[in-house]
Amino acid sequence: MRSREVTLVDMGTSVLSLRIDGELLERLRDHAAKRGMSVQDYVIRTLIRDDFDERFQAAVEETEKFHGLT
């Protein structure tokens, strides 16, 4: 499989450059297109959502620990 280099740029932020498999890039393009988004916006939104999910889960676990529910 051939890799492609993808550079994500968002105004006022840093640049992230990745090497990504061509098939995965096509799937990302398809997912983004279904949502009317660019690949960059789709990937950033996915990363933000994943980061939020992890932080939310950690907060839930801390709350449960505080209340003695675990």
PDB file of N, CA and C in Angstrom:
ATOM      1  N   MET A   1       0.826  -1.178   0.000  1.00  0.00           N
ATOM      2  CA  MET A   1       0.000   0.000   0.000  1.00  0.00           C
ATOM      3  C   MET A   1       0.870   1.241   0.000  1.00  0.00           C
ATOM      4  N   ARG A   2       0.417   2.212  -0.686  1.00  0.00           N
ATOM      5  CA  ARG A   2       1.169   3.452  -0.800  1.00  0.00           C
ATOM      6  C   ARG A   2       0.721   4.444   0.256  1.00  0.00           C
ATOM      7  N   SER A   3       1.687   5.088   0.900  1.00  0.00           N
ATOM      8  CA  SER A   3       1.366   6.094   1.902  1.00  0.00           C
ATOM      9  C   SER A   3       1.300   7.458   1.262  1.00  0.00           C
ATOM     10  N   ARG A   4       0.493   8.305   1.846  1.00  0.00           N
ATOM     11  CA  ARG A   4       0.401   9.692   1.421  1.00  0.00           C
ATOM     12  C   ARG A   4       0.753  10.548   2.611  1.00  0.00           C
ATOM     13  N   GLU A   5       1.321  11.694   2.361  1.00  0.00           N
ATOM     14  CA  GLU A   5       1.589  12.620   3.445  1.00  0.00           C
ATOM     15  C   GLU A   5       0.458  13.628   3.501  1.00  0.00           C
ATOM     16  N   VAL A   6      -0.083  13.814   4.691  1.00  0.00           N
ATOM     17  CA  VAL A   6      -1.197  14.726   4.898  1.00  0.00           C
ATOM     18  C   VAL A   6      -0.748  15.784   5.890  1.00  0.00           C
ATOM     19  N   THR A   7      -1.021  17.031   5.591  1.00  0.00           N
ATOM     20  CA  THR A   7      -0.711  18.123   6.505  1.00  0.00           C
ATOM     21  C   THR A   7      -2.004  18.789   6.912  1.00  0.00           C
ATOM     22  N   LEU A   8      -2.229  18.850   8.222  1.00  0.00           N
ATOM     23  CA  LEU A   8      -3.427  19.496   8.753  1.00  0.00           C
ATOM     24  C   LEU A   8      -3.039  20.874   9.254  1.00  0.00           C
ATOM     25  N   VAL A   9      -3.755  21.877   8.794  1.00  0.00           N
ATOM     26  CA  VAL A   9      -3.464  23.255   9.188  1.00  0.00           C
ATOM     27  C   VAL A   9      -4.774  23.901   9.637  1.00  0.00           C
ATOM     28  N   ASP A  10      -4.745  24.535  10.783  1.00  0.00           N
ATOM     29  CA  ASP A  10      -5.898  25.262  11.285  1.00  0.00           C
ATOM     30  C   ASP A  10      -5.390  26.641  11.665  1.00  0.00           C
ATOM     31  N   MET A  11      -6.092  27.670  11.286  1.00  0.00           N
ATOM     32  CA  MET A  11      -5.632  29.039  11.518  1.00  0.00           C
ATOM     33  C   MET A  11      -5.320  29.272  12.989  1.00  0.00           C
ATOM     34  N   GLY A  12      -4.160  29.833  13.267  1.00  0.00           N
ATOM     35  CA  GLY A  12      -3.782  30.169  14.632  1.00  0.00           C
ATOM     36  C   GLY A  12      -3.321  28.980  15.453  1.00  0.00           C
ATOM     37  N   THR A  13      -3.055  27.862  14.817  1.00  0.00           N
ATOM     38  CA  THR A  13      -2.619  26.678  15.551  1.00  0.00           C
ATOM     39  C   THR A  13      -1.381  26.090  14.897  1.00  0.00           C
ATOM     40  N   SER A  14      -0.938  24.992  15.433  1.00  0.00           N
ATOM     41  CA  SER A  14       0.254  24.315  14.905  1.00  0.00           C
ATOM     42  C   SER A  14      -0.101  23.446  13.709  1.00  0.00           C
ATOM     43  N   VAL A  15       0.911  22.976  13.032  1.00  0.00           N
ATOM     44  CA  VAL A  15       0.753  22.099  11.870  1.00  0.00           C
ATOM     45  C   VAL A  15       1.122  20.682  12.295  1.00  0.00           C
ATOM     46  N   LEU A  16       0.292  19.725  11.892  1.00  0.00           N
ATOM     47  CA  LEU A  16       0.553  18.314  12.133  1.00  0.00           C
ATOM     48  C   LEU A  16       0.670  17.642  10.779  1.00  0.00           C
ATOM     49  N   SER A  17       1.791  17.019  10.542  1.00  0.00           N
ATOM     50  CA  SER A  17       2.004  16.347   9.269  1.00  0.00           C
ATOM     51  C   SER A  17       2.085  14.849   9.530  1.00  0.00           C
ATOM     52  N   LEU A  18       1.327  14.064   8.760  1.00  0.00           N
ATOM     53  CA  LEU A  18       1.300  12.615   8.949  1.00  0.00           C
ATOM     54  C   LEU A  18       1.553  11.892   7.647  1.00  0.00           C
ATOM     55  N   ARG A  19       2.039  10.702   7.783  1.00  0.00           N
ATOM     56  CA  ARG A  19       2.102   9.793   6.659  1.00  0.00           C
ATOM     57  C   ARG A  19       0.975   8.801   6.873  1.00  0.00           C
ATOM     58  N   ILE A  20       0.121   8.660   5.869  1.00  0.00           N
ATOM     59  CA  ILE A  20      -1.084   7.860   6.043  1.00  0.00           C
ATOM     60  C   ILE A  20      -1.293   6.967   4.830  1.00  0.00           C
ATOM     61  N   ASP A  21      -1.767   5.779   5.096  1.00  0.00           N
ATOM     62  CA  ASP A  21      -2.044   4.811   4.044  1.00  0.00           C
ATOM     63  C   ASP A  21      -3.092   5.371   3.071  1.00  0.00           C
ATOM     64  N   GLY A  22      -2.898   5.147   1.800  1.00  0.00           N
ATOM     65  CA  GLY A  22      -3.808   5.661   0.779  1.00  0.00           C
ATOM     66  C   GLY A  22      -5.244   5.202   0.962  1.00  0.00           C
ATOM     67  N   GLU A  23      -5.440   3.930   1.357  1.00  0.00           N
ATOM     68  CA  GLU A  23      -6.794   3.416   1.579  1.00  0.00           C
ATOM     69  C   GLU A  23      -7.474   4.138   2.738  1.00  0.00           C
ATOM     70  N   LEU A  24      -6.733   4.347   3.817  1.00  0.00           N
ATOM     71  CA  LEU A  24      -7.302   5.047   4.975  1.00  0.00           C
ATOM     72  C   LEU A  24      -7.660   6.478   4.594  1.00  0.00           C
ATOM     73  N   LEU A  25      -6.799   7.136   3.844  1.00  0.00           N
ATOM     74  CA  LEU A  25      -7.084   8.504   3.418  1.00  0.00           C
ATOM     75  C   LEU A  25      -8.366   8.553   2.593  1.00  0.00           C
ATOM     76  N   GLU A  26      -8.565   7.581   1.719  1.00  0.00           N
ATOM     77  CA  GLU A  26      -9.797   7.540   0.927  1.00  0.00           C
ATOM     78  C   GLU A  26     -11.019   7.350   1.816  1.00  0.00           C
ATOM     79  N   ARG A  27     -10.901   6.486   2.825  1.00  0.00           N
ATOM     80  CA  ARG A  27     -12.030   6.295   3.753  1.00  0.00           C
ATOM     81  C   ARG A  27     -12.310   7.576   4.518  1.00  0.00           C
ATOM     82  N   LEU A  28     -11.246   8.275   4.939  1.00  0.00           N
ATOM     83  CA  LEU A  28     -11.434   9.544   5.635  1.00  0.00           C
ATOM     84  C   LEU A  28     -12.103  10.565   4.721  1.00  0.00           C
ATOM     85  N   ARG A  29     -11.700  10.588   3.465  1.00  0.00           N
ATOM     86  CA  ARG A  29     -12.331  11.501   2.501  1.00  0.00           C
ATOM     87  C   ARG A  29     -13.814  11.182   2.353  1.00  0.00           C
ATOM     88  N   ASP A  30     -14.144   9.888   2.290  1.00  0.00           N
ATOM     89  CA  ASP A  30     -15.551   9.484   2.173  1.00  0.00           C
ATOM     90  C   ASP A  30     -16.349   9.917   3.399  1.00  0.00           C
ATOM     91  N   HIS A  31     -15.816   9.652   4.600  1.00  0.00           N
ATOM     92  CA  HIS A  31     -16.511  10.043   5.834  1.00  0.00           C
ATOM     93  C   HIS A  31     -16.711  11.551   5.882  1.00  0.00           C
ATOM     94  N   ALA A  32     -15.659  12.287   5.530  1.00  0.00           N
ATOM     95  CA  ALA A  32     -15.743  13.749   5.555  1.00  0.00           C
ATOM     96  C   ALA A  32     -16.763  14.254   4.542  1.00  0.00           C
ATOM     97  N   ALA A  33     -16.743  13.699   3.345  1.00  0.00           N
ATOM     98  CA  ALA A  33     -17.666  14.140   2.296  1.00  0.00           C
ATOM     99  C   ALA A  33     -19.119  13.895   2.699  1.00  0.00           C
ATOM    100  N   LYS A  34     -19.392  12.774   3.357  1.00  0.00           N
ATOM    101  CA  LYS A  34     -20.755  12.472   3.804  1.00  0.00           C
ATOM    102  C   LYS A  34     -21.270  13.528   4.782  1.00  0.00           C
ATOM    103  N   ARG A  35     -20.333  14.171   5.473  1.00  0.00           N
ATOM    104  CA  ARG A  35     -20.710  15.188   6.458  1.00  0.00           C
ATOM    105  C   ARG A  35     -20.529  16.607   5.920  1.00  0.00           C
ATOM    106  N   GLY A  36     -20.145  16.699   4.650  1.00  0.00           N
ATOM    107  CA  GLY A  36     -19.930  18.011   4.043  1.00  0.00           C
ATOM    108  C   GLY A  36     -18.731  18.732   4.637  1.00  0.00           C
ATOM    109  N   MET A  37     -17.723  17.976   5.021  1.00  0.00           N
ATOM    110  CA  MET A  37     -16.547  18.541   5.678  1.00  0.00           C
ATOM    111  C   MET A  37     -15.295  18.256   4.856  1.00  0.00           C
ATOM    112  N   SER A  38     -14.246  19.019   5.157  1.00  0.00           N
ATOM    113  CA  SER A  38     -12.931  18.693   4.598  1.00  0.00           C
ATOM    114  C   SER A  38     -12.335  17.558   5.433  1.00  0.00           C
ATOM    115  N   VAL A  39     -11.357  16.871   4.879  1.00  0.00           N
ATOM    116  CA  VAL A  39     -10.673  15.814   5.630  1.00  0.00           C
ATOM    117  C   VAL A  39     -10.052  16.416   6.882  1.00  0.00           C
ATOM    118  N   GLN A  40      -9.453  17.581   6.753  1.00  0.00           N
ATOM    119  CA  GLN A  40      -8.834  18.238   7.900  1.00  0.00           C
ATOM    120  C   GLN A  40      -9.845  18.457   9.014  1.00  0.00           C
ATOM    121  N   ASP A  41     -10.990  19.035   8.677  1.00  0.00           N
ATOM    122  CA  ASP A  41     -12.010  19.300   9.695  1.00  0.00           C
ATOM    123  C   ASP A  41     -12.534  18.009  10.305  1.00  0.00           C
ATOM    124  N   TYR A  42     -12.715  16.990   9.478  1.00  0.00           N
ATOM    125  CA  TYR A  42     -13.208  15.711   9.980  1.00  0.00           C
ATOM    126  C   TYR A  42     -12.216  15.098  10.969  1.00  0.00           C
ATOM    127  N   VAL A  43     -10.940  15.085  10.615  1.00  0.00           N
ATOM    128  CA  VAL A  43      -9.920  14.494  11.489  1.00  0.00           C
ATOM    129  C   VAL A  43      -9.811  15.288  12.786  1.00  0.00           C
ATOM    130  N   ILE A  44      -9.793  16.608  12.688  1.00  0.00           N
ATOM    131  CA  ILE A  44      -9.698  17.434  13.893  1.00  0.00           C
ATOM    132  C   ILE A  44     -10.909  17.202  14.786  1.00  0.00           C
ATOM    133  N   ARG A  45     -12.101  17.169  14.205  1.00  0.00           N
ATOM    134  CA  ARG A  45     -13.309  16.932  15.005  1.00  0.00           C
ATOM    135  C   ARG A  45     -13.254  15.570  15.690  1.00  0.00           C
ATOM    136  N   THR A  46     -12.766  14.562  14.977  1.00  0.00           N
ATOM    137  CA  THR A  46     -12.648  13.221  15.541  1.00  0.00           C
ATOM    138  C   THR A  46     -11.652  13.207  16.699  1.00  0.00           C
ATOM    139  N   LEU A  47     -10.525  13.872  16.535  1.00  0.00           N
ATOM    140  CA  LEU A  47      -9.533  13.935  17.606  1.00  0.00           C
ATOM    141  C   LEU A  47     -10.065  14.684  18.827  1.00  0.00           C
ATOM    142  N   ILE A  48     -10.777  15.774  18.587  1.00  0.00           N
ATOM    143  CA  ILE A  48     -11.363  16.549  19.695  1.00  0.00           C
ATOM    144  C   ILE A  48     -12.375  15.692  20.445  1.00  0.00           C
ATOM    145  N   ARG A  49     -13.219  14.986  19.704  1.00  0.00           N
ATOM    146  CA  ARG A  49     -14.233  14.137  20.329  1.00  0.00           C
ATOM    147  C   ARG A  49     -13.575  13.038  21.151  1.00  0.00           C
ATOM    148  N   ASP A  50     -12.538  12.406  20.620  1.00  0.00           N
ATOM    149  CA  ASP A  50     -11.833  11.347  21.335  1.00  0.00           C
ATOM    150  C   ASP A  50     -11.176  11.894  22.604  1.00  0.00           C
ATOM    151  N   ASP A  51     -10.561  13.054  22.485  1.00  0.00           N
ATOM    152  CA  ASP A  51      -9.922  13.688  23.646  1.00  0.00           C
ATOM    153  C   ASP A  51     -10.964  14.014  24.704  1.00  0.00           C
ATOM    154  N   PHE A  52     -12.117  14.557  24.287  1.00  0.00           N
ATOM    155  CA  PHE A  52     -13.187  14.876  25.232  1.00  0.00           C
ATOM    156  C   PHE A  52     -13.677  13.608  25.921  1.00  0.00           C
ATOM    157  N   ASP A  53     -13.894  12.539  25.152  1.00  0.00           N
ATOM    158  CA  ASP A  53     -14.371  11.286  25.726  1.00  0.00           C
ATOM    159  C   ASP A  53     -13.426  10.775  26.804  1.00  0.00           C
ATOM    160  N   GLU A  54     -12.119  10.843  26.548  1.00  0.00           N
ATOM    161  CA  GLU A  54     -11.135  10.391  27.533  1.00  0.00           C
ATOM    162  C   GLU A  54     -11.170  11.259  28.788  1.00  0.00           C
ATOM    163  N   ARG A  55     -11.233  12.583  28.617  1.00  0.00           N
ATOM    164  CA  ARG A  55     -11.271  13.474  29.778  1.00  0.00           C
ATOM    165  C   ARG A  55     -12.567  13.313  30.550  1.00  0.00           C
ATOM    166  N   PHE A  56     -13.683  13.124  29.845  1.00  0.00           N
ATOM    167  CA  PHE A  56     -14.964  12.932  30.501  1.00  0.00           C
ATOM    168  C   PHE A  56     -14.954  11.643  31.321  1.00  0.00           C
ATOM    169  N   GLN A  57     -14.444  10.565  30.738  1.00  0.00           N
ATOM    170  CA  GLN A  57     -14.378   9.283  31.445  1.00  0.00           C
ATOM    171  C   GLN A  57     -13.510   9.407  32.695  1.00  0.00           C
ATOM    172  N   ALA A  58     -12.394  10.107  32.603  1.00  0.00           N
ATOM    173  CA  ALA A  58     -11.531  10.303  33.769  1.00  0.00           C
ATOM    174  C   ALA A  58     -12.264  11.091  34.851  1.00  0.00           C
ATOM    175  N   ALA A  59     -13.043  12.096  34.454  1.00  0.00           N
ATOM    176  CA  ALA A  59     -13.804  12.892  35.417  1.00  0.00           C
ATOM    177  C   ALA A  59     -14.871  12.042  36.101  1.00  0.00           C
ATOM    178  N   VAL A  60     -15.544  11.180  35.340  1.00  0.00           N
ATOM    179  CA  VAL A  60     -16.551  10.289  35.907  1.00  0.00           C
ATOM    180  C   VAL A  60     -15.901   9.353  36.919  1.00  0.00           C
ATOM    181  N   GLU A  61     -14.766   8.796  36.569  1.00  0.00           N
ATOM    182  CA  GLU A  61     -14.069   7.883  37.477  1.00  0.00           C
ATOM    183  C   GLU A  61     -13.640   8.594  38.757  1.00  0.00           C
ATOM    184  N   GLU A  62     -13.148   9.819  38.641  1.00  0.00           N
ATOM    185  CA  GLU A  62     -12.756  10.593  39.822  1.00  0.00           C
ATOM    186  C   GLU A  62     -13.968  10.896  40.702  1.00  0.00           C
ATOM    187  N   THR A  63     -15.077  11.244  40.072  1.00  0.00           N
ATOM    188  CA  THR A  63     -16.308  11.528  40.832  1.00  0.00           C
ATOM    189  C   THR A  63     -16.786  10.281  41.563  1.00  0.00           C
ATOM    190  N   GLU A  64     -16.777   9.144  40.873  1.00  0.00           N
ATOM    191  CA  GLU A  64     -17.188   7.896  41.502  1.00  0.00           C
ATOM    192  C   GLU A  64     -16.277   7.547  42.659  1.00  0.00           C
ATOM    193  N   LYS A  65     -14.981   7.763  42.478  1.00  0.00           N
ATOM    194  CA  LYS A  65     -14.015   7.491  43.544  1.00  0.00           C
ATOM    195  C   LYS A  65     -14.282   8.409  44.734  1.00  0.00           C
ATOM    196  N   PHE A  66     -14.544   9.674  44.481  1.00  0.00           N
ATOM    197  CA  PHE A  66     -14.827  10.653  45.532  1.00  0.00           C
ATOM    198  C   PHE A  66     -16.059  10.262  46.345  1.00  0.00           C
ATOM    199  N   HIS A  67     -17.073   9.758  45.644  1.00  0.00           N
ATOM    200  CA  HIS A  67     -18.323   9.378  46.305  1.00  0.00           C
ATOM    201  C   HIS A  67     -18.313   7.917  46.783  1.00  0.00           C
ATOM    202  N   GLY A  68     -17.171   7.249  46.611  1.00  0.00           N
ATOM    203  CA  GLY A  68     -17.056   5.863  47.071  1.00  0.00           C
ATOM    204  C   GLY A  68     -17.894   4.865  46.289  1.00  0.00           C
ATOM    205  N   LEU A  69     -18.121   5.160  45.017  1.00  0.00           N
ATOM    206  CA  LEU A  69     -18.964   4.294  44.193  1.00  0.00           C
ATOM    207  C   LEU A  69     -18.172   3.234  43.450  1.00  0.00           C
ATOM    208  N   THR A  70     -16.852   3.278  43.556  1.00  0.00           N
ATOM    209  CA  THR A  70     -16.053   2.276  42.839  1.00  0.00           C
ATOM    210  C   THR A  70     -15.403   1.315  43.789  1.00  0.00           C
TER     211      THR A  70
END
